[in-house]
Amino acid sequence: MADGIKWIGEGQRVPLSFCPHCNAELDGCSGIDNDARPDPGDFTICIECGAVAAFSRGLRLRRLTKREQREVAGDERVLAGVRAVLDARGKKHC
């Protein structure tokens, strides 16, 4: 498992939404180190492109605000999740 991630939670269905970065259709998510269903404002990582997005009301995906971008920049679990997706997709990352 990637550094900073102990386990991946049970998959959860969410309303169909589109990644605000790559436009991938997404209708599910899994928690990092929990099985919780997402709430508005929670972060997620696109399984297709590795970009971080947030859930809005109605659990649709949206781009992060500037404040949220600063918040996730230091979250080791989010960074590890992004690295894991990019590694799985064979994409380069910093």
C-alpha atoms as a PDB file:
ATOM      1  CA  MET A   1       0.000   0.000   0.000  1.00  0.00           C
ATOM      2  CA  ALA A   2       1.227   3.527  -0.725  1.00  0.00           C
ATOM      3  CA  ASP A   3       2.927   5.474   2.076  1.00  0.00           C
ATOM      4  CA  GLY A   4       0.379   7.305   4.225  1.00  0.00           C
ATOM      5  CA  ILE A   5      -2.439   4.861   3.395  1.00  0.00           C
ATOM      6  CA  LYS A   6      -3.169   1.976   5.754  1.00  0.00           C
ATOM      7  CA  TRP A   7      -6.173   0.565   3.892  1.00  0.00           C
ATOM      8  CA  ILE A   8      -8.832   1.401   1.320  1.00  0.00           C
ATOM      9  CA  GLY A   9     -12.409   1.369   2.518  1.00  0.00           C
ATOM     10  CA  GLU A  10     -15.424  -0.385   1.087  1.00  0.00           C
ATOM     11  CA  GLY A  11     -16.647   1.018  -2.229  1.00  0.00           C
ATOM     12  CA  GLN A  12     -19.574   3.446  -2.081  1.00  0.00           C
ATOM     13  CA  ARG A  13     -21.961   4.408  -4.888  1.00  0.00           C
ATOM     14  CA  VAL A  14     -22.438   8.134  -5.459  1.00  0.00           C
ATOM     15  CA  PRO A  15     -24.528   9.954  -8.075  1.00  0.00           C
ATOM     16  CA  LEU A  16     -22.975   9.928 -11.538  1.00  0.00           C
ATOM     17  CA  SER A  17     -20.634  12.866 -11.882  1.00  0.00           C
ATOM     18  CA  PHE A  18     -17.736  13.906 -14.092  1.00  0.00           C
ATOM     19  CA  CYS A  19     -14.162  14.635 -13.099  1.00  0.00           C
ATOM     20  CA  PRO A  20     -13.746  18.416 -13.394  1.00  0.00           C
ATOM     21  CA  HIS A  21     -10.220  17.844 -14.748  1.00  0.00           C
ATOM     22  CA  CYS A  22     -10.483  14.987 -17.294  1.00  0.00           C
ATOM     23  CA  ASN A  23     -14.285  14.612 -17.646  1.00  0.00           C
ATOM     24  CA  ALA A  24     -14.197  10.899 -16.698  1.00  0.00           C
ATOM     25  CA  GLU A  25     -17.596   9.487 -15.633  1.00  0.00           C
ATOM     26  CA  LEU A  26     -17.446   8.548 -11.956  1.00  0.00           C
ATOM     27  CA  ASP A  27     -20.157   6.947  -9.823  1.00  0.00           C
ATOM     28  CA  GLY A  28     -18.274   5.396  -6.933  1.00  0.00           C
ATOM     29  CA  CYS A  29     -15.614   6.096  -4.355  1.00  0.00           C
ATOM     30  CA  SER A  30     -13.730   4.465  -1.500  1.00  0.00           C
ATOM     31  CA  GLY A  31     -12.450   6.077   1.667  1.00  0.00           C
ATOM     32  CA  ILE A  32      -8.798   6.210   2.618  1.00  0.00           C
ATOM     33  CA  ASP A  33      -8.508   4.480   5.993  1.00  0.00           C
ATOM     34  CA  ASN A  34     -12.308   4.457   6.479  1.00  0.00           C
ATOM     35  CA  ASP A  35     -15.582   3.078   5.110  1.00  0.00           C
ATOM     36  CA  ALA A  36     -17.500   6.341   5.479  1.00  0.00           C
ATOM     37  CA  ARG A  37     -19.832   7.614   2.801  1.00  0.00           C
ATOM     38  CA  PRO A  38     -18.554  10.969   1.476  1.00  0.00           C
ATOM     39  CA  ASP A  39     -20.019  14.262   2.616  1.00  0.00           C
ATOM     40  CA  PRO A  40     -20.076  17.578   0.754  1.00  0.00           C
ATOM     41  CA  GLY A  41     -16.638  19.161   1.074  1.00  0.00           C
ATOM     42  CA  ASP A  42     -14.790  15.838   1.287  1.00  0.00           C
ATOM     43  CA  PHE A  43     -11.930  15.331  -1.153  1.00  0.00           C
ATOM     44  CA  THR A  44     -11.642  12.583  -3.728  1.00  0.00           C
ATOM     45  CA  ILE A  45      -9.049  11.466  -6.259  1.00  0.00           C
ATOM     46  CA  CYS A  46     -10.065  10.713  -9.839  1.00  0.00           C
ATOM     47  CA  ILE A  47      -9.195   7.090 -10.606  1.00  0.00           C
ATOM     48  CA  GLU A  48      -8.620   8.040 -14.261  1.00  0.00           C
ATOM     49  CA  CYS A  49      -6.332  11.088 -14.079  1.00  0.00           C
ATOM     50  CA  GLY A  50      -5.274  11.318 -10.420  1.00  0.00           C
ATOM     51  CA  ALA A  51      -6.580  14.865  -9.949  1.00  0.00           C
ATOM     52  CA  VAL A  52      -8.040  15.879  -6.603  1.00  0.00           C
ATOM     53  CA  ALA A  53     -11.621  17.146  -6.559  1.00  0.00           C
ATOM     54  CA  ALA A  54     -14.217  17.810  -3.868  1.00  0.00           C
ATOM     55  CA  PHE A  55     -17.776  16.635  -3.419  1.00  0.00           C
ATOM     56  CA  SER A  56     -20.398  19.377  -3.656  1.00  0.00           C
ATOM     57  CA  ARG A  57     -23.943  19.235  -2.329  1.00  0.00           C
ATOM     58  CA  GLY A  58     -25.595  16.320  -4.045  1.00  0.00           C
ATOM     59  CA  LEU A  59     -22.182  14.596  -4.080  1.00  0.00           C
ATOM     60  CA  ARG A  60     -21.282  15.918  -7.520  1.00  0.00           C
ATOM     61  CA  LEU A  61     -17.608  16.641  -8.177  1.00  0.00           C
ATOM     62  CA  ARG A  62     -16.143  20.138  -8.375  1.00  0.00           C
ATOM     63  CA  ARG A  63     -12.718  21.744  -8.590  1.00  0.00           C
ATOM     64  CA  LEU A  64     -10.980  22.636  -5.343  1.00  0.00           C
ATOM     65  CA  THR A  65     -11.004  26.193  -4.063  1.00  0.00           C
ATOM     66  CA  LYS A  66      -7.635  27.893  -3.476  1.00  0.00           C
ATOM     67  CA  ARG A  67      -8.018  27.254   0.271  1.00  0.00           C
ATOM     68  CA  GLU A  68      -8.745  23.565  -0.345  1.00  0.00           C
ATOM     69  CA  GLN A  69      -5.739  23.307  -2.667  1.00  0.00           C
ATOM     70  CA  ARG A  70      -3.506  24.550   0.169  1.00  0.00           C
ATOM     71  CA  GLU A  71      -5.202  22.139   2.580  1.00  0.00           C
ATOM     72  CA  VAL A  72      -4.620  19.015   0.463  1.00  0.00           C
ATOM     73  CA  ALA A  73      -1.067  20.038  -0.462  1.00  0.00           C
ATOM     74  CA  GLY A  74       0.084  18.907   2.992  1.00  0.00           C
ATOM     75  CA  ASP A  75      -2.190  15.881   3.455  1.00  0.00           C
ATOM     76  CA  GLU A  76       0.020  12.787   3.168  1.00  0.00           C
ATOM     77  CA  ARG A  77      -2.970  10.479   2.601  1.00  0.00           C
ATOM     78  CA  VAL A  78      -4.168  12.543  -0.369  1.00  0.00           C
ATOM     79  CA  LEU A  79      -0.663  12.796  -1.819  1.00  0.00           C
ATOM     80  CA  ALA A  80      -0.169   9.040  -1.403  1.00  0.00           C
ATOM     81  CA  GLY A  81      -3.509   8.392  -3.110  1.00  0.00           C
ATOM     82  CA  VAL A  82      -2.577  10.599  -6.060  1.00  0.00           C
ATOM     83  CA  ARG A  83       0.802   8.824  -6.359  1.00  0.00           C
ATOM     84  CA  ALA A  84      -0.926   5.418  -6.255  1.00  0.00           C
ATOM     85  CA  VAL A  85      -3.349   6.352  -9.066  1.00  0.00           C
ATOM     86  CA  LEU A  86      -0.586   7.829 -11.215  1.00  0.00           C
ATOM     87  CA  ASP A  87       1.648   4.774 -10.607  1.00  0.00           C
ATOM     88  CA  ALA A  88      -1.218   2.433 -11.552  1.00  0.00           C
ATOM     89  CA  ARG A  89      -1.813   4.450 -14.740  1.00  0.00           C
ATOM     90  CA  GLY A  90       1.905   4.563 -15.565  1.00  0.00           C
ATOM     91  CA  LYS A  91       1.956   8.364 -15.399  1.00  0.00           C
ATOM     92  CA  LYS A  92       4.823  10.477 -14.067  1.00  0.00           C
ATOM     93  CA  HIS A  93       4.471  12.488 -10.901  1.00  0.00           C
ATOM     94  CA  CYS A  94       6.626  14.690  -8.678  1.00  0.00           C
END
